Amino acid sequence: KNSITDACLSVVAQTFMDSCSTSEHKLGKDSPSNKLLYAKDIPNYKNWVERYYSDISRMPAISDQDMSAYLAEQSRLHLSQFNSMSALHEIYSYITKYKDEV
């Protein structure tokens, strides 16, 4: 990815993380611009995330066997769309970068 795409994706990723965070972030004039860009939208996004998990918690539980069968079917359906080596490389890069935290 080029630097412009990378910067845009970083803003989207930060917004996503802030939307899923349970802690409140106090923003001020010295806050990074990527946090200020969507700051007014974050409360709305947080409500969406909370509603999503609330809806999931009200769903009936499924058995481990049903879940395994579903995941196996999804894996079969999307086999040609997934590059295992690329995924492993991305995981390795992430672990290498954040090994102390992990």
PDB file of N, CA and C in Angstrom:
ATOM      1  N   LYS A   1       0.838  -1.184   0.000  1.00  0.00           N
ATOM      2  CA  LYS A   1       0.000   0.000   0.000  1.00  0.00           C
ATOM      3  C   LYS A   1       0.881   1.245   0.000  1.00  0.00           C
ATOM      4  N   ASN A   2       0.389   2.255  -0.642  1.00  0.00           N
ATOM      5  CA  ASN A   2       1.165   3.491  -0.629  1.00  0.00           C
ATOM      6  C   ASN A   2       0.872   4.261   0.663  1.00  0.00           C
ATOM      7  N   SER A   3       1.600   5.317   0.900  1.00  0.00           N
ATOM      8  CA  SER A   3       1.493   6.036   2.171  1.00  0.00           C
ATOM      9  C   SER A   3       0.128   6.701   2.361  1.00  0.00           C
ATOM     10  N   ILE A   4      -0.492   7.144   1.281  1.00  0.00           N
ATOM     11  CA  ILE A   4      -1.819   7.770   1.404  1.00  0.00           C
ATOM     12  C   ILE A   4      -2.851   6.730   1.819  1.00  0.00           C
ATOM     13  N   THR A   5      -2.821   5.589   1.164  1.00  0.00           N
ATOM     14  CA  THR A   5      -3.745   4.508   1.519  1.00  0.00           C
ATOM     15  C   THR A   5      -3.511   4.060   2.948  1.00  0.00           C
ATOM     16  N   ASP A   6      -2.247   3.916   3.324  1.00  0.00           N
ATOM     17  CA  ASP A   6      -1.898   3.504   4.678  1.00  0.00           C
ATOM     18  C   ASP A   6      -2.431   4.500   5.704  1.00  0.00           C
ATOM     19  N   ALA A   7      -2.294   5.783   5.434  1.00  0.00           N
ATOM     20  CA  ALA A   7      -2.785   6.814   6.361  1.00  0.00           C
ATOM     21  C   ALA A   7      -4.306   6.751   6.483  1.00  0.00           C
ATOM     22  N   CYS A   8      -4.984   6.564   5.362  1.00  0.00           N
ATOM     23  CA  CYS A   8      -6.457   6.469   5.384  1.00  0.00           C
ATOM     24  C   CYS A   8      -6.912   5.249   6.165  1.00  0.00           C
ATOM     25  N   LEU A   9      -6.250   4.131   5.936  1.00  0.00           N
ATOM     26  CA  LEU A   9      -6.608   2.913   6.664  1.00  0.00           C
ATOM     27  C   LEU A   9      -6.327   3.041   8.154  1.00  0.00           C
ATOM     28  N   SER A  10      -5.294   3.792   8.494  1.00  0.00           N
ATOM     29  CA  SER A  10      -4.984   4.025   9.911  1.00  0.00           C
ATOM     30  C   SER A  10      -6.099   4.818  10.591  1.00  0.00           C
ATOM     31  N   VAL A  11      -6.659   5.795   9.895  1.00  0.00           N
ATOM     32  CA  VAL A  11      -7.778   6.578  10.448  1.00  0.00           C
ATOM     33  C   VAL A  11      -8.990   5.679  10.656  1.00  0.00           C
ATOM     34  N   VAL A  12      -9.278   4.851   9.667  1.00  0.00           N
ATOM     35  CA  VAL A  12     -10.418   3.931   9.782  1.00  0.00           C
ATOM     36  C   VAL A  12     -10.187   2.951  10.932  1.00  0.00           C
ATOM     37  N   ALA A  13      -8.973   2.409  11.037  1.00  0.00           N
ATOM     38  CA  ALA A  13      -8.652   1.467  12.112  1.00  0.00           C
ATOM     39  C   ALA A  13      -8.778   2.134  13.482  1.00  0.00           C
ATOM     40  N   GLN A  14      -8.293   3.365  13.608  1.00  0.00           N
ATOM     41  CA  GLN A  14      -8.386   4.073  14.883  1.00  0.00           C
ATOM     42  C   GLN A  14      -9.841   4.323  15.249  1.00  0.00           C
ATOM     43  N   THR A  15     -10.646   4.703  14.284  1.00  0.00           N
ATOM     44  CA  THR A  15     -12.073   4.933  14.524  1.00  0.00           C
ATOM     45  C   THR A  15     -12.751   3.643  14.966  1.00  0.00           C
ATOM     46  N   PHE A  16     -12.413   2.543  14.302  1.00  0.00           N
ATOM     47  CA  PHE A  16     -12.974   1.247  14.662  1.00  0.00           C
ATOM     48  C   PHE A  16     -12.581   0.870  16.085  1.00  0.00           C
ATOM     49  N   MET A  17     -11.307   1.041  16.430  1.00  0.00           N
ATOM     50  CA  MET A  17     -10.845   0.700  17.787  1.00  0.00           C
ATOM     51  C   MET A  17     -11.513   1.580  18.836  1.00  0.00           C
ATOM     52  N   ASP A  18     -11.633   2.876  18.562  1.00  0.00           N
ATOM     53  CA  ASP A  18     -12.287   3.773  19.508  1.00  0.00           C
ATOM     54  C   ASP A  18     -13.764   3.416  19.666  1.00  0.00           C
ATOM     55  N   SER A  19     -14.398   2.980  18.596  1.00  0.00           N
ATOM     56  CA  SER A  19     -15.813   2.614  18.643  1.00  0.00           C
ATOM     57  C   SER A  19     -16.038   1.360  19.479  1.00  0.00           C
ATOM     58  N   CYS A  20     -15.058   0.474  19.487  1.00  0.00           N
ATOM     59  CA  CYS A  20     -15.182  -0.786  20.223  1.00  0.00           C
ATOM     60  C   CYS A  20     -14.604  -0.702  21.636  1.00  0.00           C
ATOM     61  N   SER A  21     -13.995   0.401  21.966  1.00  0.00           N
ATOM     62  CA  SER A  21     -13.377   0.563  23.280  1.00  0.00           C
ATOM     63  C   SER A  21     -14.439   0.832  24.351  1.00  0.00           C
ATOM     64  N   THR A  22     -14.211   0.273  25.532  1.00  0.00           N
ATOM     65  CA  THR A  22     -15.138   0.519  26.639  1.00  0.00           C
ATOM     66  C   THR A  22     -14.723   1.729  27.474  1.00  0.00           C
ATOM     67  N   SER A  23     -13.532   2.234  27.236  1.00  0.00           N
ATOM     68  CA  SER A  23     -13.084   3.407  27.999  1.00  0.00           C
ATOM     69  C   SER A  23     -13.395   4.689  27.234  1.00  0.00           C
ATOM     70  N   GLU A  24     -13.533   5.758  27.960  1.00  0.00           N
ATOM     71  CA  GLU A  24     -13.803   7.063  27.356  1.00  0.00           C
ATOM     72  C   GLU A  24     -12.476   7.765  27.085  1.00  0.00           C
ATOM     73  N   HIS A  25     -12.371   8.367  25.940  1.00  0.00           N
ATOM     74  CA  HIS A  25     -11.165   9.105  25.565  1.00  0.00           C
ATOM     75  C   HIS A  25     -11.477  10.594  25.612  1.00  0.00           C
ATOM     76  N   LYS A  26     -10.735  11.324  26.424  1.00  0.00           N
ATOM     77  CA  LYS A  26     -10.890  12.775  26.490  1.00  0.00           C
ATOM     78  C   LYS A  26     -10.046  13.398  25.391  1.00  0.00           C
ATOM     79  N   LEU A  27     -10.680  14.164  24.563  1.00  0.00           N
ATOM     80  CA  LEU A  27      -9.970  14.809  23.465  1.00  0.00           C
ATOM     81  C   LEU A  27      -9.804  16.292  23.742  1.00  0.00           C
ATOM     82  N   GLY A  28      -8.698  16.824  23.289  1.00  0.00           N
ATOM     83  CA  GLY A  28      -8.424  18.238  23.445  1.00  0.00           C
ATOM     84  C   GLY A  28      -7.743  18.785  22.209  1.00  0.00           C
ATOM     85  N   LYS A  29      -7.287  20.026  22.324  1.00  0.00           N
ATOM     86  CA  LYS A  29      -6.669  20.661  21.154  1.00  0.00           C
ATOM     87  C   LYS A  29      -5.368  19.993  20.738  1.00  0.00           C
ATOM     88  N   ASP A  30      -4.741  19.235  21.640  1.00  0.00           N
ATOM     89  CA  ASP A  30      -3.486  18.558  21.320  1.00  0.00           C
ATOM     90  C   ASP A  30      -3.691  17.114  20.879  1.00  0.00           C
ATOM     91  N   SER A  31      -4.934  16.673  20.777  1.00  0.00           N
ATOM     92  CA  SER A  31      -5.218  15.294  20.350  1.00  0.00           C
ATOM     93  C   SER A  31      -4.841  15.113  18.885  1.00  0.00           C
ATOM     94  N   PRO A  32      -4.441  13.893  18.524  1.00  0.00           N
ATOM     95  CA  PRO A  32      -4.081  13.646  17.127  1.00  0.00           C
ATOM     96  C   PRO A  32      -5.274  13.892  16.194  1.00  0.00           C
ATOM     97  N   SER A  33      -4.980  14.382  15.010  1.00  0.00           N
ATOM     98  CA  SER A  33      -6.050  14.716  14.065  1.00  0.00           C
ATOM     99  C   SER A  33      -6.865  13.494  13.663  1.00  0.00           C
ATOM    100  N   ASN A  34      -6.228  12.314  13.627  1.00  0.00           N
ATOM    101  CA  ASN A  34      -6.981  11.122  13.244  1.00  0.00           C
ATOM    102  C   ASN A  34      -8.046  10.767  14.290  1.00  0.00           C
ATOM    103  N   LYS A  35      -7.843  11.169  15.549  1.00  0.00           N
ATOM    104  CA  LYS A  35      -8.862  10.934  16.575  1.00  0.00           C
ATOM    105  C   LYS A  35      -9.943  12.019  16.521  1.00  0.00           C
ATOM    106  N   LEU A  36      -9.552  13.209  16.161  1.00  0.00           N
ATOM    107  CA  LEU A  36     -10.510  14.311  16.104  1.00  0.00           C
ATOM    108  C   LEU A  36     -11.438  14.212  14.900  1.00  0.00           C
ATOM    109  N   LEU A  37     -10.964  13.578  13.829  1.00  0.00           N
ATOM    110  CA  LEU A  37     -11.713  13.519  12.582  1.00  0.00           C
ATOM    111  C   LEU A  37     -13.108  12.921  12.761  1.00  0.00           C
ATOM    112  N   TYR A  38     -13.206  11.837  13.511  1.00  0.00           N
ATOM    113  CA  TYR A  38     -14.495  11.170  13.709  1.00  0.00           C
ATOM    114  C   TYR A  38     -14.971  11.219  15.154  1.00  0.00           C
ATOM    115  N   ALA A  39     -14.424  12.100  15.949  1.00  0.00           N
ATOM    116  CA  ALA A  39     -14.746  12.153  17.374  1.00  0.00           C
ATOM    117  C   ALA A  39     -16.242  12.314  17.633  1.00  0.00           C
ATOM    118  N   LYS A  40     -16.909  13.140  16.851  1.00  0.00           N
ATOM    119  CA  LYS A  40     -18.342  13.355  17.094  1.00  0.00           C
ATOM    120  C   LYS A  40     -19.184  12.144  16.712  1.00  0.00           C
ATOM    121  N   ASP A  41     -18.651  11.268  15.873  1.00  0.00           N
ATOM    122  CA  ASP A  41     -19.383  10.075  15.439  1.00  0.00           C
ATOM    123  C   ASP A  41     -19.172   8.874  16.366  1.00  0.00           C
ATOM    124  N   ILE A  42     -18.118   8.880  17.149  1.00  0.00           N
ATOM    125  CA  ILE A  42     -17.775   7.736  17.986  1.00  0.00           C
ATOM    126  C   ILE A  42     -18.918   7.320  18.917  1.00  0.00           C
ATOM    127  N   PRO A  43     -19.606   8.243  19.618  1.00  0.00           N
ATOM    128  CA  PRO A  43     -20.712   7.787  20.482  1.00  0.00           C
ATOM    129  C   PRO A  43     -21.785   7.006  19.715  1.00  0.00           C
ATOM    130  N   ASN A  44     -22.093   7.433  18.507  1.00  0.00           N
ATOM    131  CA  ASN A  44     -23.063   6.712  17.690  1.00  0.00           C
ATOM    132  C   ASN A  44     -22.537   5.331  17.320  1.00  0.00           C
ATOM    133  N   TYR A  45     -21.264   5.252  16.937  1.00  0.00           N
ATOM    134  CA  TYR A  45     -20.661   3.968  16.594  1.00  0.00           C
ATOM    135  C   TYR A  45     -20.620   3.044  17.808  1.00  0.00           C
ATOM    136  N   LYS A  46     -20.330   3.608  18.988  1.00  0.00           N
ATOM    137  CA  LYS A  46     -20.310   2.801  20.215  1.00  0.00           C
ATOM    138  C   LYS A  46     -21.688   2.200  20.479  1.00  0.00           C
ATOM    139  N   ASN A  47     -22.731   2.985  20.230  1.00  0.00           N
ATOM    140  CA  ASN A  47     -24.086   2.457  20.398  1.00  0.00           C
ATOM    141  C   ASN A  47     -24.341   1.295  19.449  1.00  0.00           C
ATOM    142  N   TRP A  48     -23.868   1.407  18.220  1.00  0.00           N
ATOM    143  CA  TRP A  48     -24.022   0.312  17.250  1.00  0.00           C
ATOM    144  C   TRP A  48     -23.314  -0.952  17.738  1.00  0.00           C
ATOM    145  N   VAL A  49     -22.102  -0.776  18.251  1.00  0.00           N
ATOM    146  CA  VAL A  49     -21.323  -1.920  18.733  1.00  0.00           C
ATOM    147  C   VAL A  49     -22.025  -2.561  19.927  1.00  0.00           C
ATOM    148  N   GLU A  50     -22.493  -1.733  20.863  1.00  0.00           N
ATOM    149  CA  GLU A  50     -23.208  -2.267  22.031  1.00  0.00           C
ATOM    150  C   GLU A  50     -24.469  -3.010  21.611  1.00  0.00           C
ATOM    151  N   ARG A  51     -25.215  -2.459  20.672  1.00  0.00           N
ATOM    152  CA  ARG A  51     -26.433  -3.117  20.192  1.00  0.00           C
ATOM    153  C   ARG A  51     -26.093  -4.434  19.495  1.00  0.00           C
ATOM    154  N   TYR A  52     -25.004  -4.441  18.733  1.00  0.00           N
ATOM    155  CA  TYR A  52     -24.567  -5.657  18.042  1.00  0.00           C
ATOM    156  C   TYR A  52     -24.324  -6.785  19.046  1.00  0.00           C
ATOM    157  N   TYR A  53     -23.544  -6.495  20.088  1.00  0.00           N
ATOM    158  CA  TYR A  53     -23.237  -7.529  21.073  1.00  0.00           C
ATOM    159  C   TYR A  53     -24.456  -7.885  21.922  1.00  0.00           C
ATOM    160  N   SER A  54     -25.310  -6.935  22.154  1.00  0.00           N
ATOM    161  CA  SER A  54     -26.555  -7.221  22.874  1.00  0.00           C
ATOM    162  C   SER A  54     -27.426  -8.168  22.059  1.00  0.00           C
ATOM    163  N   ASP A  55     -27.526  -7.902  20.761  1.00  0.00           N
ATOM    164  CA  ASP A  55     -28.308  -8.785  19.884  1.00  0.00           C
ATOM    165  C   ASP A  55     -27.725 -10.191  19.867  1.00  0.00           C
ATOM    166  N   ILE A  56     -26.409 -10.291  19.827  1.00  0.00           N
ATOM    167  CA  ILE A  56     -25.758 -11.604  19.836  1.00  0.00           C
ATOM    168  C   ILE A  56     -26.046 -12.335  21.147  1.00  0.00           C
ATOM    169  N   SER A  57     -26.001 -11.619  22.260  1.00  0.00           N
ATOM    170  CA  SER A  57     -26.220 -12.277  23.552  1.00  0.00           C
ATOM    171  C   SER A  57     -27.641 -12.833  23.686  1.00  0.00           C
ATOM    172  N   ARG A  58     -28.583 -12.272  22.934  1.00  0.00           N
ATOM    173  CA  ARG A  58     -29.969 -12.755  22.988  1.00  0.00           C
ATOM    174  C   ARG A  58     -30.231 -13.912  22.025  1.00  0.00           C
ATOM    175  N   MET A  59     -29.273 -14.212  21.176  1.00  0.00           N
ATOM    176  CA  MET A  59     -29.445 -15.315  20.229  1.00  0.00           C
ATOM    177  C   MET A  59     -29.327 -16.657  20.956  1.00  0.00           C
ATOM    178  N   PRO A  60     -30.009 -17.670  20.462  1.00  0.00           N
ATOM    179  CA  PRO A  60     -29.873 -18.988  21.091  1.00  0.00           C
ATOM    180  C   PRO A  60     -28.459 -19.533  20.898  1.00  0.00           C
ATOM    181  N   ALA A  61     -27.977 -20.243  21.903  1.00  0.00           N
ATOM    182  CA  ALA A  61     -26.631 -20.827  21.831  1.00  0.00           C
ATOM    183  C   ALA A  61     -26.617 -21.962  20.811  1.00  0.00           C
ATOM    184  N   ILE A  62     -25.459 -22.164  20.198  1.00  0.00           N
ATOM    185  CA  ILE A  62     -25.306 -23.289  19.275  1.00  0.00           C
ATOM    186  C   ILE A  62     -24.267 -24.244  19.852  1.00  0.00           C
ATOM    187  N   SER A  63     -24.351 -25.475  19.424  1.00  0.00           N
ATOM    188  CA  SER A  63     -23.415 -26.478  19.941  1.00  0.00           C
ATOM    189  C   SER A  63     -22.046 -26.311  19.283  1.00  0.00           C
ATOM    190  N   ASP A  64     -21.040 -26.859  19.947  1.00  0.00           N
ATOM    191  CA  ASP A  64     -19.684 -26.849  19.384  1.00  0.00           C
ATOM    192  C   ASP A  64     -19.658 -27.592  18.055  1.00  0.00           C
ATOM    193  N   GLN A  65     -20.428 -28.653  17.970  1.00  0.00           N
ATOM    194  CA  GLN A  65     -20.483 -29.459  16.747  1.00  0.00           C
ATOM    195  C   GLN A  65     -21.065 -28.640  15.589  1.00  0.00           C
ATOM    196  N   ASP A  66     -22.149 -27.890  15.853  1.00  0.00           N
ATOM    197  CA  ASP A  66     -22.742 -27.053  14.816  1.00  0.00           C
ATOM    198  C   ASP A  66     -21.778 -25.948  14.387  1.00  0.00           C
ATOM    199  N   MET A  67     -21.071 -25.372  15.340  1.00  0.00           N
ATOM    200  CA  MET A  67     -20.115 -24.312  15.026  1.00  0.00           C
ATOM    201  C   MET A  67     -18.973 -24.856  14.177  1.00  0.00           C
ATOM    202  N   SER A  68     -18.471 -26.013  14.538  1.00  0.00           N
ATOM    203  CA  SER A  68     -17.387 -26.634  13.758  1.00  0.00           C
ATOM    204  C   SER A  68     -17.843 -26.947  12.342  1.00  0.00           C
ATOM    205  N   ALA A  69     -19.066 -27.446  12.208  1.00  0.00           N
ATOM    206  CA  ALA A  69     -19.594 -27.757  10.874  1.00  0.00           C
ATOM    207  C   ALA A  69     -19.738 -26.482  10.048  1.00  0.00           C
ATOM    208  N   TYR A  70     -20.219 -25.415  10.674  1.00  0.00           N
ATOM    209  CA  TYR A  70     -20.374 -24.140   9.971  1.00  0.00           C
ATOM    210  C   TYR A  70     -19.022 -23.596   9.514  1.00  0.00           C
ATOM    211  N   LEU A  71     -18.027 -23.613  10.404  1.00  0.00           N
ATOM    212  CA  LEU A  71     -16.703 -23.098  10.054  1.00  0.00           C
ATOM    213  C   LEU A  71     -16.050 -23.936   8.956  1.00  0.00           C
ATOM    214  N   ALA A  72     -16.245 -25.245   9.001  1.00  0.00           N
ATOM    215  CA  ALA A  72     -15.700 -26.113   7.960  1.00  0.00           C
ATOM    216  C   ALA A  72     -16.346 -25.782   6.609  1.00  0.00           C
ATOM    217  N   GLU A  73     -17.650 -25.553   6.621  1.00  0.00           N
ATOM    218  CA  GLU A  73     -18.357 -25.202   5.382  1.00  0.00           C
ATOM    219  C   GLU A  73     -17.879 -23.860   4.833  1.00  0.00           C
ATOM    220  N   GLN A  74     -17.709 -22.875   5.704  1.00  0.00           N
ATOM    221  CA  GLN A  74     -17.216 -21.569   5.275  1.00  0.00           C
ATOM    222  C   GLN A  74     -15.803 -21.682   4.714  1.00  0.00           C
ATOM    223  N   SER A  75     -14.988 -22.483   5.350  1.00  0.00           N
ATOM    224  CA  SER A  75     -13.625 -22.694   4.875  1.00  0.00           C
ATOM    225  C   SER A  75     -13.646 -23.311   3.478  1.00  0.00           C
ATOM    226  N   ARG A  76     -14.513 -24.285   3.272  1.00  0.00           N
ATOM    227  CA  ARG A  76     -14.620 -24.937   1.965  1.00  0.00           C
ATOM    228  C   ARG A  76     -15.117 -23.957   0.905  1.00  0.00           C
ATOM    229  N   LEU A  77     -16.116 -23.135   1.270  1.00  0.00           N
ATOM    230  CA  LEU A  77     -16.696 -22.200   0.314  1.00  0.00           C
ATOM    231  C   LEU A  77     -15.714 -21.114  -0.124  1.00  0.00           C
ATOM    232  N   HIS A  78     -14.805 -20.743   0.758  1.00  0.00           N
ATOM    233  CA  HIS A  78     -13.909 -19.616   0.489  1.00  0.00           C
ATOM    234  C   HIS A  78     -12.458 -20.042   0.316  1.00  0.00           C
ATOM    235  N   LEU A  79     -12.254 -21.310   0.052  1.00  0.00           N
ATOM    236  CA  LEU A  79     -10.904 -21.851  -0.065  1.00  0.00           C
ATOM    237  C   LEU A  79     -10.069 -21.110  -1.105  1.00  0.00           C
ATOM    238  N   SER A  80     -10.662 -20.778  -2.229  1.00  0.00           N
ATOM    239  CA  SER A  80      -9.906 -20.111  -3.290  1.00  0.00           C
ATOM    240  C   SER A  80      -9.674 -18.625  -3.011  1.00  0.00           C
ATOM    241  N   GLN A  81     -10.336 -18.077  -2.015  1.00  0.00           N
ATOM    242  CA  GLN A  81     -10.216 -16.653  -1.721  1.00  0.00           C
ATOM    243  C   GLN A  81      -9.209 -16.359  -0.609  1.00  0.00           C
ATOM    244  N   PHE A  82      -8.647 -17.380  -0.013  1.00  0.00           N
ATOM    245  CA  PHE A  82      -7.801 -17.194   1.162  1.00  0.00           C
ATOM    246  C   PHE A  82      -6.389 -17.670   0.865  1.00  0.00           C
ATOM    247  N   ASN A  83      -5.432 -16.810   1.118  1.00  0.00           N
ATOM    248  CA  ASN A  83      -4.030 -17.146   0.915  1.00  0.00           C
ATOM    249  C   ASN A  83      -3.397 -17.395   2.281  1.00  0.00           C
ATOM    250  N   SER A  84      -3.221 -18.656   2.625  1.00  0.00           N
ATOM    251  CA  SER A  84      -2.701 -19.027   3.945  1.00  0.00           C
ATOM    252  C   SER A  84      -1.322 -18.437   4.219  1.00  0.00           C
ATOM    253  N   MET A  85      -0.454 -18.474   3.226  1.00  0.00           N
ATOM    254  CA  MET A  85       0.901 -17.953   3.436  1.00  0.00           C
ATOM    255  C   MET A  85       0.885 -16.451   3.684  1.00  0.00           C
ATOM    256  N   SER A  86       0.031 -15.742   2.981  1.00  0.00           N
ATOM    257  CA  SER A  86      -0.082 -14.302   3.191  1.00  0.00           C
ATOM    258  C   SER A  86      -0.614 -14.008   4.590  1.00  0.00           C
ATOM    259  N   ALA A  87      -1.617 -14.770   5.011  1.00  0.00           N
ATOM    260  CA  ALA A  87      -2.178 -14.583   6.354  1.00  0.00           C
ATOM    261  C   ALA A  87      -1.127 -14.871   7.419  1.00  0.00           C
ATOM    262  N   LEU A  88      -0.371 -15.946   7.249  1.00  0.00           N
ATOM    263  CA  LEU A  88       0.683 -16.275   8.210  1.00  0.00           C
ATOM    264  C   LEU A  88       1.750 -15.187   8.246  1.00  0.00           C
ATOM    265  N   HIS A  89       2.079 -14.641   7.086  1.00  0.00           N
ATOM    266  CA  HIS A  89       3.065 -13.560   7.034  1.00  0.00           C
ATOM    267  C   HIS A  89       2.557 -12.336   7.815  1.00  0.00           C
ATOM    268  N   GLU A  90       1.288 -11.991   7.635  1.00  0.00           N
ATOM    269  CA  GLU A  90       0.720 -10.847   8.348  1.00  0.00           C
ATOM    270  C   GLU A  90       0.708 -11.086   9.857  1.00  0.00           C
ATOM    271  N   ILE A  91       0.349 -12.291  10.269  1.00  0.00           N
ATOM    272  CA  ILE A  91       0.352 -12.625  11.704  1.00  0.00           C
ATOM    273  C   ILE A  91       1.782 -12.544  12.246  1.00  0.00           C
ATOM    274  N   TYR A  92       2.730 -13.089  11.500  1.00  0.00           N
ATOM    275  CA  TYR A  92       4.130 -13.044  11.912  1.00  0.00           C
ATOM    276  C   TYR A  92       4.606 -11.599  12.053  1.00  0.00           C
ATOM    277  N   SER A  93       4.255 -10.762  11.086  1.00  0.00           N
ATOM    278  CA  SER A  93       4.666  -9.353  11.142  1.00  0.00           C
ATOM    279  C   SER A  93       4.080  -8.677  12.376  1.00  0.00           C
ATOM    280  N   TYR A  94       2.831  -8.960  12.670  1.00  0.00           N
ATOM    281  CA  TYR A  94       2.169  -8.365  13.835  1.00  0.00           C
ATOM    282  C   TYR A  94       2.831  -8.840  15.125  1.00  0.00           C
ATOM    283  N   ILE A  95       3.063 -10.141  15.224  1.00  0.00           N
ATOM    284  CA  ILE A  95       3.685 -10.701  16.429  1.00  0.00           C
ATOM    285  C   ILE A  95       5.093 -10.150  16.614  1.00  0.00           C
ATOM    286  N   THR A  96       5.842 -10.048  15.521  1.00  0.00           N
ATOM    287  CA  THR A  96       7.198  -9.503  15.607  1.00  0.00           C
ATOM    288  C   THR A  96       7.172  -8.071  16.123  1.00  0.00           C
ATOM    289  N   LYS A  97       6.237  -7.286  15.626  1.00  0.00           N
ATOM    290  CA  LYS A  97       6.144  -5.881  16.023  1.00  0.00           C
ATOM    291  C   LYS A  97       5.682  -5.734  17.477  1.00  0.00           C
ATOM    292  N   TYR A  98       4.760  -6.584  17.925  1.00  0.00           N
ATOM    293  CA  TYR A  98       4.156  -6.431  19.249  1.00  0.00           C
ATOM    294  C   TYR A  98       4.490  -7.606  20.178  1.00  0.00           C
ATOM    295  N   LYS A  99       5.656  -8.231  19.988  1.00  0.00           N
ATOM    296  CA  LYS A  99       5.982  -9.433  20.749  1.00  0.00           C
ATOM    297  C   LYS A  99       5.988  -9.196  22.262  1.00  0.00           C
ATOM    298  N   ASP A 100       6.447  -8.045  22.714  1.00  0.00           N
ATOM    299  CA  ASP A 100       6.473  -7.779  24.153  1.00  0.00           C
ATOM    300  C   ASP A 100       5.064  -7.697  24.730  1.00  0.00           C
ATOM    301  N   GLU A 101       4.171  -7.043  24.009  1.00  0.00           N
ATOM    302  CA  GLU A 101       2.797  -6.920  24.483  1.00  0.00           C
ATOM    303  C   GLU A 101       2.059  -8.250  24.438  1.00  0.00           C
ATOM    304  N   VAL A 102       2.329  -9.025  23.378  1.00  0.00           N
ATOM    305  CA  VAL A 102       1.661 -10.313  23.214  1.00  0.00           C
ATOM    306  C   VAL A 102       2.167 -11.264  24.268  1.00  0.00           C
TER     307      VAL A 102
END
